[in-house]
Amino acid sequence: MYNFIINLNPIIQALIATLFTFSVTCLGSALVFLFKKTNKNIMDAMLGVAGGIMMAASFWSLLSPAIEMAETLNMIVWLVVFLGFFSGGLLLFIGDKIFDHYIDKESGFKRMMMLMSSITLHNIPEGLVVGVAFGSLIYGTGSFSSAVVLALGIGLQNFPEGTAISVPLMRDGMSKKKAFLYGCLSGIVEPISGVIGALLVLKIKLLLPILLSFAAGAMIYVVVQEIIPESQTNERKDVMALFTIIGFSIMMILDISL
């Protein structure tokens, strides 16, 4: 089996790898089916965990790789990362104002759309990273094993991220099936962007630092604007803050160890 996969075209390998990362996102989303009923304390705690996961992912999965790539490509690191990060936050800020104009400010739909947007934006550059790793094999750079380890690491990171999107959606009143479906849909962009990354490996490399930091800015905006404030509506604000730390710690351990 290993020999069969290693002899495949790198573009097919990228597709298989990103289908794996997508499937792990769905597995994380499937945790919503473990909840028999919606309990506010549990949902607020999970929301806090989701906020922590997203904050940790913003740095270790997005900003840190963006900095490393920008340095490797001899870019002006601080400028590239700043422009990407600020643009991501600004886009969500503008989207927030548009939502407020057309949708009830207290509507769970607005939070759902912002959460979906930020996680989806986050998954696009991750898919591109995996695609670039396998696509680089065409030019004799990198190794198959390192590309596999990268895909495995991103896949495992996607598990808590799938949970981070589905649980808040269920908390806002969405059915378990729909919350699961939307959680999966947020990850479907990974196989698509993975193939694109493998096909356009040389050109995509130059854009990756900007795309990674852009996704980080969008994600941080959603965490600060929607996720954490919502979890803090609980009477036990201190406990909810602790759950945010727990979520951050889980994602930090996964990112650093993998």
Protein backbone atom coordinates (compact mmCIF):
# COMPACT_ATOMS: atom_id res chain seq x y z
CA MET A 1 0.00 0.00 0.00
CA TYR A 2 2.82 2.37 0.97
CA ASN A 3 4.70 1.64 -2.27
CA PHE A 4 1.53 2.19 -4.27
CA ILE A 5 0.91 5.63 -2.73
CA ILE A 6 4.54 6.76 -2.92
CA ASN A 7 4.58 6.02 -6.66
CA LEU A 8 1.45 8.07 -7.37
CA ASN A 9 1.56 11.48 -9.02
CA PRO A 10 2.27 14.13 -6.33
CA ILE A 11 -0.99 15.89 -7.21
CA ILE A 12 -2.95 12.69 -6.45
CA GLN A 13 -0.93 12.30 -3.26
CA ALA A 14 -1.90 15.85 -2.26
CA LEU A 15 -5.57 15.04 -2.90
CA ILE A 16 -5.42 11.89 -0.78
CA ALA A 17 -3.61 13.73 2.04
CA THR A 18 -6.10 16.61 2.12
CA LEU A 19 -9.07 14.23 1.94
CA PHE A 20 -7.60 12.74 5.11
CA THR A 21 -7.36 16.15 6.81
CA PHE A 22 -10.95 16.87 5.71
CA SER A 23 -12.20 13.58 7.16
CA VAL A 24 -10.59 14.37 10.53
CA THR A 25 -12.46 17.70 10.55
CA CYS A 26 -15.69 15.73 10.09
CA LEU A 27 -14.72 13.40 12.94
CA GLY A 28 -14.27 16.41 15.22
CA SER A 29 -17.60 17.82 14.12
CA ALA A 30 -19.27 14.48 14.87
CA LEU A 31 -18.73 15.05 18.60
CA VAL A 32 -21.97 17.06 18.60
CA PHE A 33 -23.81 13.74 18.46
CA LEU A 34 -22.44 12.86 21.90
CA PHE A 35 -24.50 15.61 23.52
CA LYS A 36 -27.95 14.34 24.48
CA LYS A 37 -29.31 17.80 25.19
CA THR A 38 -28.18 21.41 25.13
CA ASN A 39 -26.98 22.48 28.57
CA LYS A 40 -25.98 26.14 28.82
CA ASN A 41 -23.06 25.52 31.16
CA ILE A 42 -21.65 22.75 28.99
CA MET A 43 -22.19 24.76 25.79
CA ASP A 44 -20.54 27.87 27.27
CA ALA A 45 -17.61 25.73 28.42
CA MET A 46 -17.25 24.21 24.94
CA LEU A 47 -17.48 27.68 23.45
CA GLY A 48 -14.62 28.76 25.72
CA VAL A 49 -12.61 25.72 24.62
CA ALA A 50 -13.35 26.59 20.97
CA GLY A 51 -12.07 30.14 21.52
CA GLY A 52 -8.86 28.83 23.03
CA ILE A 53 -8.36 26.36 20.19
CA MET A 54 -8.85 29.09 17.59
CA MET A 55 -6.43 31.48 19.33
CA ALA A 56 -3.70 28.83 19.55
CA ALA A 57 -4.27 27.78 15.93
CA SER A 58 -3.96 31.42 14.87
CA PHE A 59 -0.38 31.54 16.06
CA TRP A 60 1.08 28.04 15.80
CA SER A 61 -0.82 26.88 12.70
CA LEU A 62 -0.87 30.18 10.83
CA LEU A 63 1.30 33.09 12.02
CA SER A 64 4.38 31.08 12.98
CA PRO A 65 4.53 29.19 9.63
CA ALA A 66 3.85 32.48 7.82
CA ILE A 67 6.85 34.09 9.52
CA GLU A 68 9.10 31.12 8.70
CA MET A 69 8.00 31.04 5.05
CA ALA A 70 8.43 34.80 4.64
CA GLU A 71 11.97 34.51 6.01
CA THR A 72 12.77 31.61 3.67
CA LEU A 73 11.45 33.57 0.68
CA ASN A 74 13.49 36.66 1.70
CA MET A 75 10.41 38.84 2.13
CA ILE A 76 10.06 41.80 4.49
CA VAL A 77 8.70 39.55 7.22
CA TRP A 78 7.03 42.05 9.53
CA LEU A 79 5.35 43.87 6.64
CA VAL A 80 4.02 40.74 4.94
CA VAL A 81 2.66 39.27 8.17
CA PHE A 82 1.18 42.58 9.31
CA LEU A 83 -0.57 43.25 6.00
CA GLY A 84 -2.02 39.74 5.90
CA PHE A 85 -3.08 39.71 9.56
CA PHE A 86 -4.62 43.20 9.55
CA SER A 87 -6.41 42.57 6.24
CA GLY A 88 -7.98 39.39 7.62
CA GLY A 89 -9.29 41.19 10.69
CA LEU A 90 -10.44 44.17 8.61
CA LEU A 91 -12.40 41.92 6.23
CA LEU A 92 -14.29 40.35 9.13
CA PHE A 93 -14.84 43.81 10.66
CA ILE A 94 -16.44 44.99 7.41
CA GLY A 95 -18.47 41.80 7.22
CA ASP A 96 -19.59 42.36 10.81
CA LYS A 97 -20.91 45.83 9.92
CA ILE A 98 -22.73 44.45 6.89
CA PHE A 99 -24.32 41.73 9.00
CA ASP A 100 -25.41 44.30 11.60
CA HIS A 101 -27.08 46.37 8.88
CA TYR A 102 -29.12 43.53 7.39
CA ILE A 103 -29.43 41.05 10.27
CA ASP A 104 -30.59 41.30 13.88
CA LYS A 105 -27.51 42.00 16.01
CA GLU A 106 -28.50 39.27 18.46
CA SER A 107 -29.07 36.76 15.69
CA GLY A 108 -27.18 33.48 15.98
CA PHE A 109 -27.03 33.47 12.19
CA LYS A 110 -24.49 36.30 12.20
CA ARG A 111 -22.25 34.44 14.62
CA MET A 112 -22.65 31.27 12.56
CA MET A 113 -21.59 33.02 9.36
CA MET A 114 -18.59 34.70 10.98
CA LEU A 115 -17.48 31.45 12.60
CA MET A 116 -17.85 29.55 9.33
CA SER A 117 -15.98 32.26 7.42
CA SER A 118 -13.01 32.35 9.80
CA ILE A 119 -12.57 28.57 10.03
CA THR A 120 -12.97 28.17 6.26
CA LEU A 121 -10.41 30.91 5.61
CA HIS A 122 -8.11 29.10 8.03
CA ASN A 123 -8.51 25.79 6.17
CA ILE A 124 -7.66 27.21 2.74
CA PRO A 125 -3.98 28.02 3.45
CA GLU A 126 -3.63 24.77 5.43
CA GLY A 127 -4.76 22.86 2.35
CA LEU A 128 -2.36 24.89 0.22
CA VAL A 129 0.52 24.07 2.59
CA VAL A 130 -0.12 20.34 2.21
CA GLY A 131 -0.49 20.71 -1.55
CA VAL A 132 2.77 22.62 -1.81
CA ALA A 133 4.55 19.99 0.30
CA PHE A 134 3.55 17.21 -2.09
CA GLY A 135 3.76 19.35 -5.23
CA SER A 136 7.38 20.20 -4.38
CA LEU A 137 8.25 16.54 -4.90
CA ILE A 138 7.81 17.14 -8.64
CA TYR A 139 10.87 19.41 -8.52
CA GLY A 140 12.89 17.06 -6.33
CA THR A 141 12.68 19.26 -3.25
CA GLY A 142 11.43 18.05 0.11
CA SER A 143 10.63 14.43 0.93
CA PHE A 144 7.55 12.26 0.81
CA SER A 145 7.85 11.36 4.49
CA SER A 146 8.00 15.01 5.60
CA ALA A 147 4.94 15.80 3.48
CA VAL A 148 3.06 12.89 5.08
CA VAL A 149 4.01 14.02 8.59
CA LEU A 150 2.82 17.54 7.74
CA ALA A 151 -0.54 16.22 6.51
CA LEU A 152 -0.86 14.04 9.62
CA GLY A 153 -0.14 17.01 11.89
CA ILE A 154 -2.66 19.27 10.17
CA GLY A 155 -5.21 16.46 10.18
CA LEU A 156 -4.91 15.96 13.94
CA GLN A 157 -5.19 19.72 14.47
CA ASN A 158 -8.42 19.67 12.47
CA PHE A 159 -10.13 17.38 14.96
CA PRO A 160 -10.60 20.00 17.71
CA GLU A 161 -11.26 22.62 15.02
CA GLY A 162 -14.19 20.57 13.70
CA THR A 163 -15.56 20.48 17.23
CA ALA A 164 -14.88 24.20 17.62
CA ILE A 165 -17.26 25.04 14.82
CA SER A 166 -20.04 22.46 15.31
CA VAL A 167 -20.55 22.86 19.06
CA PRO A 168 -21.12 26.65 18.94
CA LEU A 169 -23.56 26.16 16.06
CA MET A 170 -25.50 23.61 18.09
CA ARG A 171 -25.44 26.02 21.02
CA ASP A 172 -27.13 28.62 18.84
CA GLY A 173 -30.04 26.26 18.28
CA MET A 174 -28.96 24.45 15.13
CA SER A 175 -29.81 20.75 14.90
CA LYS A 176 -27.01 18.25 15.49
CA LYS A 177 -27.13 17.05 11.89
CA LYS A 178 -26.88 20.58 10.48
CA ALA A 179 -24.11 21.54 12.93
CA PHE A 180 -22.18 18.43 11.87
CA LEU A 181 -22.76 19.19 8.18
CA TYR A 182 -21.58 22.79 8.47
CA GLY A 183 -18.53 21.65 10.44
CA CYS A 184 -17.65 19.27 7.60
CA LEU A 185 -18.31 21.91 4.95
CA SER A 186 -15.80 24.23 6.61
CA GLY A 187 -13.10 21.66 5.83
CA ILE A 188 -14.11 20.76 2.26
CA VAL A 189 -11.92 23.60 1.00
CA GLU A 190 -8.79 21.70 2.08
CA PRO A 191 -8.86 19.04 -0.70
CA ILE A 192 -9.66 21.76 -3.24
CA SER A 193 -6.87 24.08 -2.11
CA GLY A 194 -4.53 21.10 -1.68
CA VAL A 195 -4.81 20.20 -5.36
CA ILE A 196 -4.42 23.87 -6.33
CA GLY A 197 -1.30 24.13 -4.17
CA ALA A 198 0.22 21.05 -5.80
CA LEU A 199 -0.58 22.31 -9.29
CA LEU A 200 0.73 25.85 -8.71
CA VAL A 201 3.43 25.00 -6.19
CA LEU A 202 5.97 27.64 -7.24
CA LYS A 203 3.50 30.55 -7.47
CA ILE A 204 1.52 29.60 -4.37
CA LYS A 205 4.68 29.59 -2.26
CA LEU A 206 4.96 33.37 -2.65
CA LEU A 207 1.36 33.89 -1.52
CA LEU A 208 1.32 31.49 1.42
CA PRO A 209 2.77 33.84 4.08
CA ILE A 210 0.10 36.43 3.27
CA LEU A 211 -2.72 33.88 3.13
CA LEU A 212 -1.69 32.26 6.41
CA SER A 213 -1.49 35.56 8.29
CA PHE A 214 -4.73 36.74 6.63
CA ALA A 215 -6.56 33.69 8.01
CA ALA A 216 -5.03 34.32 11.46
CA GLY A 217 -6.35 37.90 11.52
CA ALA A 218 -9.84 36.76 10.55
CA MET A 219 -9.84 34.05 13.21
CA ILE A 220 -8.64 36.32 16.02
CA TYR A 221 -11.34 38.86 15.15
CA VAL A 222 -14.08 36.23 15.48
CA VAL A 223 -12.68 34.92 18.77
CA VAL A 224 -12.51 38.40 20.33
CA GLN A 225 -15.77 39.69 18.85
CA GLU A 226 -18.05 36.66 19.13
CA ILE A 227 -16.71 33.49 20.76
CA ILE A 228 -15.21 34.66 24.06
CA PRO A 229 -17.85 37.35 24.81
CA GLU A 230 -20.58 34.74 24.28
CA SER A 231 -18.92 32.24 26.62
CA GLN A 232 -18.59 35.01 29.21
CA THR A 233 -22.39 35.44 29.41
CA ASN A 234 -22.25 32.51 31.84
CA GLU A 235 -22.51 33.30 35.55
CA ARG A 236 -19.21 31.48 36.17
CA LYS A 237 -17.04 33.71 34.00
CA ASP A 238 -13.87 32.60 35.75
CA VAL A 239 -14.54 28.93 35.01
CA MET A 240 -15.36 29.73 31.37
CA ALA A 241 -12.05 31.61 31.11
CA LEU A 242 -10.31 28.49 32.44
CA PHE A 243 -11.93 26.42 29.68
CA THR A 244 -10.52 28.89 27.15
CA ILE A 245 -7.07 28.24 28.61
CA ILE A 246 -7.71 24.49 28.36
CA GLY A 247 -8.67 24.82 24.68
CA PHE A 248 -5.59 26.93 23.99
CA SER A 249 -3.39 24.38 25.76
CA ILE A 250 -4.81 21.43 23.80
CA MET A 251 -4.17 23.11 20.46
CA MET A 252 -0.75 24.36 21.57
CA ILE A 253 0.34 20.84 22.54
CA LEU A 254 -0.90 19.41 19.23
CA ASP A 255 0.83 22.09 17.17
CA ILE A 256 4.16 21.98 18.99
CA SER A 257 4.36 18.19 19.28
CA LEU A 258 3.36 17.61 15.66
